[in-house]
Amino acid sequence: MERISKRERALVCLYSLCLLVGSLVLLSIPVRAFAADIELPVPSVVVYPGQNILDRGVSAARFRIPGAKLSAYVIEEGMLSDKVAKRTLLPNKPIMISDLKSPDIVRAGVPTPIVYREAGVVISGLGVPLASAGEGEAIRVRNADSGVTISGVVAADGTIEVRAQ
């Protein structure tokens, strides 16, 4: 077995200490490499809930967004087409995807066709939505003939699809 001299042992300890100090220095530096410096679409003026963002005006502004959070933001104007604001959006502030929704197809209190389909049977009638909603959203609707409140899902054509419960 080979003996390690005191000098070699001291060099190994010194090398290990340098690695430790170097690692601590690197860990103390803020990580900016994982942030994207990107130009994002922003509202030009205040956009209120229910308003179309593109109709109100959009410009571009540069932001530094953490890489892990980039997917939560609207990164191009195309993502705003056919969308309205879910909450008030301020000028020159980035838009989060969660701030957007599809426009309401049915409006609360406005009579709307309701349809029930099952195994070749189609029953249709008229209902009064209790809230406004967009395509694919669940909604409560009062049957205009019976006064019974039922649940359904808003279809793309503006009807409310009722499902068996």
Protein backbone atom coordinates (compact mmCIF):
# COMPACT_ATOMS: atom_id res chain seq x y z
CA MET A 1 0.00 0.00 0.00
CA GLU A 2 1.26 3.41 -0.94
CA ARG A 3 1.77 6.02 1.74
CA ILE A 4 0.52 9.56 1.23
CA SER A 5 2.92 12.19 2.41
CA LYS A 6 1.92 15.05 4.66
CA ARG A 7 2.55 17.45 1.82
CA GLU A 8 0.21 15.56 -0.55
CA ARG A 9 -2.43 15.34 2.18
CA ALA A 10 -2.19 19.11 2.73
CA LEU A 11 -2.54 19.75 -1.02
CA VAL A 12 -5.68 17.55 -1.18
CA CYS A 13 -7.18 19.42 1.81
CA LEU A 14 -6.30 22.79 0.26
CA TYR A 15 -7.83 21.72 -3.07
CA SER A 16 -11.04 20.56 -1.30
CA LEU A 17 -11.22 23.83 0.62
CA CYS A 18 -10.87 25.82 -2.63
CA LEU A 19 -13.67 23.79 -4.23
CA LEU A 20 -15.91 24.42 -1.21
CA VAL A 21 -15.24 28.18 -1.18
CA GLY A 22 -15.71 28.39 -4.96
CA SER A 23 -19.04 26.56 -4.74
CA LEU A 24 -20.27 28.86 -1.98
CA VAL A 25 -19.30 31.93 -4.03
CA LEU A 26 -21.15 30.61 -7.09
CA LEU A 27 -24.25 29.80 -5.04
CA SER A 28 -24.33 33.33 -3.61
CA ILE A 29 -24.55 34.95 -7.07
CA PRO A 30 -28.17 35.75 -8.07
CA VAL A 31 -29.31 33.53 -10.90
CA ARG A 32 -30.31 35.83 -13.73
CA ALA A 33 -29.50 33.38 -16.47
CA PHE A 34 -32.81 31.62 -15.86
CA ALA A 35 -34.84 34.75 -16.63
CA ALA A 36 -36.06 35.74 -20.08
CA ASP A 37 -35.62 39.32 -21.25
CA ILE A 38 -38.60 39.40 -23.59
CA GLU A 39 -40.94 41.83 -25.31
CA LEU A 40 -44.57 41.17 -24.31
CA PRO A 41 -47.85 42.65 -25.55
CA VAL A 42 -49.36 45.07 -23.02
CA PRO A 43 -52.61 47.07 -22.98
CA SER A 44 -52.22 50.66 -24.20
CA VAL A 45 -55.10 51.84 -21.99
CA VAL A 46 -57.10 50.47 -19.06
CA VAL A 47 -59.10 47.40 -20.14
CA TYR A 48 -62.15 46.58 -18.01
CA PRO A 49 -63.63 43.10 -17.48
CA GLY A 50 -65.54 41.92 -20.54
CA GLN A 51 -63.76 44.26 -22.96
CA ASN A 52 -61.81 42.95 -25.94
CA ILE A 53 -58.13 43.70 -25.34
CA LEU A 54 -57.18 44.01 -29.02
CA ASP A 55 -60.05 46.47 -29.62
CA ARG A 56 -58.77 48.73 -26.83
CA GLY A 57 -55.20 48.77 -28.17
CA VAL A 58 -52.03 46.84 -27.54
CA SER A 59 -48.38 47.89 -27.62
CA ALA A 60 -45.16 46.09 -26.67
CA ALA A 61 -42.92 46.48 -23.62
CA ARG A 62 -39.78 44.67 -22.50
CA PHE A 63 -39.82 42.63 -19.28
CA ARG A 64 -37.52 40.24 -17.44
CA ILE A 65 -39.62 37.18 -16.62
CA PRO A 66 -38.34 34.17 -14.63
CA GLY A 67 -38.05 31.24 -17.03
CA ALA A 68 -40.25 28.98 -14.91
CA LYS A 69 -43.08 31.54 -14.97
CA LEU A 70 -42.92 32.51 -18.66
CA SER A 71 -45.71 30.07 -19.59
CA ALA A 72 -48.15 32.02 -17.38
CA TYR A 73 -47.86 35.17 -19.55
CA VAL A 74 -49.30 36.19 -22.91
CA ILE A 75 -46.19 36.27 -25.09
CA GLU A 76 -47.67 37.24 -28.47
CA GLU A 77 -50.65 39.26 -29.73
CA GLY A 78 -52.17 36.20 -31.40
CA MET A 79 -52.94 34.78 -27.96
CA LEU A 80 -55.34 37.72 -27.41
CA SER A 81 -57.60 37.07 -30.41
CA ASP A 82 -61.15 36.12 -29.47
CA LYS A 83 -60.44 36.83 -25.79
CA VAL A 84 -61.76 39.42 -23.34
CA ALA A 85 -60.41 40.61 -20.01
CA LYS A 86 -61.47 38.65 -16.96
CA ARG A 87 -60.29 41.44 -14.65
CA THR A 88 -59.16 45.06 -15.03
CA LEU A 89 -55.88 45.26 -16.96
CA LEU A 90 -53.60 48.24 -16.51
CA PRO A 91 -51.60 49.96 -19.25
CA ASN A 92 -47.99 48.83 -19.82
CA LYS A 93 -48.35 45.83 -17.47
CA PRO A 94 -47.86 42.25 -18.72
CA ILE A 95 -50.99 40.19 -19.29
CA MET A 96 -51.32 36.83 -17.54
CA ILE A 97 -53.13 34.01 -19.35
CA SER A 98 -55.37 33.71 -16.28
CA ASP A 99 -56.53 37.31 -16.97
CA LEU A 100 -58.26 36.18 -20.19
CA LYS A 101 -61.50 34.40 -20.98
CA SER A 102 -63.68 33.67 -23.97
CA PRO A 103 -66.43 36.24 -24.53
CA ASP A 104 -69.87 35.48 -23.08
CA ILE A 105 -72.15 33.80 -25.62
CA VAL A 106 -75.22 33.74 -23.39
CA ARG A 107 -76.26 36.64 -21.19
CA ALA A 108 -78.04 36.49 -17.86
CA GLY A 109 -81.78 37.09 -18.21
CA VAL A 110 -81.84 36.81 -22.02
CA PRO A 111 -83.97 33.85 -23.22
CA THR A 112 -81.78 31.16 -24.79
CA PRO A 113 -82.54 27.81 -26.46
CA ILE A 114 -81.91 24.79 -24.25
CA VAL A 115 -81.40 21.32 -25.77
CA TYR A 116 -81.42 17.82 -24.26
CA ARG A 117 -80.06 14.95 -26.39
CA GLU A 118 -79.97 11.26 -25.55
CA ALA A 119 -80.01 8.14 -27.75
CA GLY A 120 -81.84 9.66 -30.72
CA VAL A 121 -84.19 11.81 -28.60
CA VAL A 122 -83.90 15.58 -28.83
CA ILE A 123 -85.93 17.85 -26.56
CA SER A 124 -85.60 21.59 -26.98
CA GLY A 125 -87.13 24.54 -25.24
CA LEU A 126 -86.44 28.04 -24.04
CA GLY A 127 -84.60 28.92 -20.86
CA VAL A 128 -83.43 32.00 -19.01
CA PRO A 129 -79.75 31.85 -17.97
CA LEU A 130 -79.10 32.89 -14.37
CA ALA A 131 -75.60 34.15 -15.29
CA SER A 132 -73.62 35.13 -18.35
CA ALA A 133 -71.21 32.50 -19.69
CA GLY A 134 -68.91 31.62 -22.56
CA GLU A 135 -68.47 28.46 -24.60
CA GLY A 136 -67.83 25.35 -22.53
CA GLU A 137 -68.80 26.95 -19.22
CA ALA A 138 -71.31 25.28 -16.91
CA ILE A 139 -74.37 27.41 -16.24
CA ARG A 140 -77.69 27.28 -14.37
CA VAL A 141 -80.76 28.05 -16.46
CA ARG A 142 -84.46 28.35 -15.56
CA ASN A 143 -86.80 26.51 -17.93
CA ALA A 144 -89.19 29.18 -19.26
CA ASP A 145 -92.14 26.74 -19.44
CA SER A 146 -91.86 24.90 -16.12
CA GLY A 147 -89.85 27.35 -14.01
CA VAL A 148 -87.51 24.51 -12.97
CA THR A 149 -83.82 25.43 -12.65
CA ILE A 150 -81.47 23.03 -14.43
CA SER A 151 -77.74 22.91 -15.23
CA GLY A 152 -76.15 22.84 -18.65
CA VAL A 153 -73.07 23.72 -20.66
CA VAL A 154 -72.91 26.57 -23.17
CA ALA A 155 -72.33 25.31 -26.73
CA ALA A 156 -70.50 27.23 -29.48
CA ASP A 157 -73.78 27.98 -31.27
CA GLY A 158 -75.22 29.74 -28.20
CA THR A 159 -77.52 26.95 -27.04
CA ILE A 160 -77.33 25.41 -23.60
CA GLU A 161 -76.76 21.65 -23.68
CA VAL A 162 -78.54 19.95 -20.78
CA ARG A 163 -77.24 16.58 -19.64
CA ALA A 164 -78.99 13.82 -17.71
CA GLN A 165 -78.32 13.98 -13.98
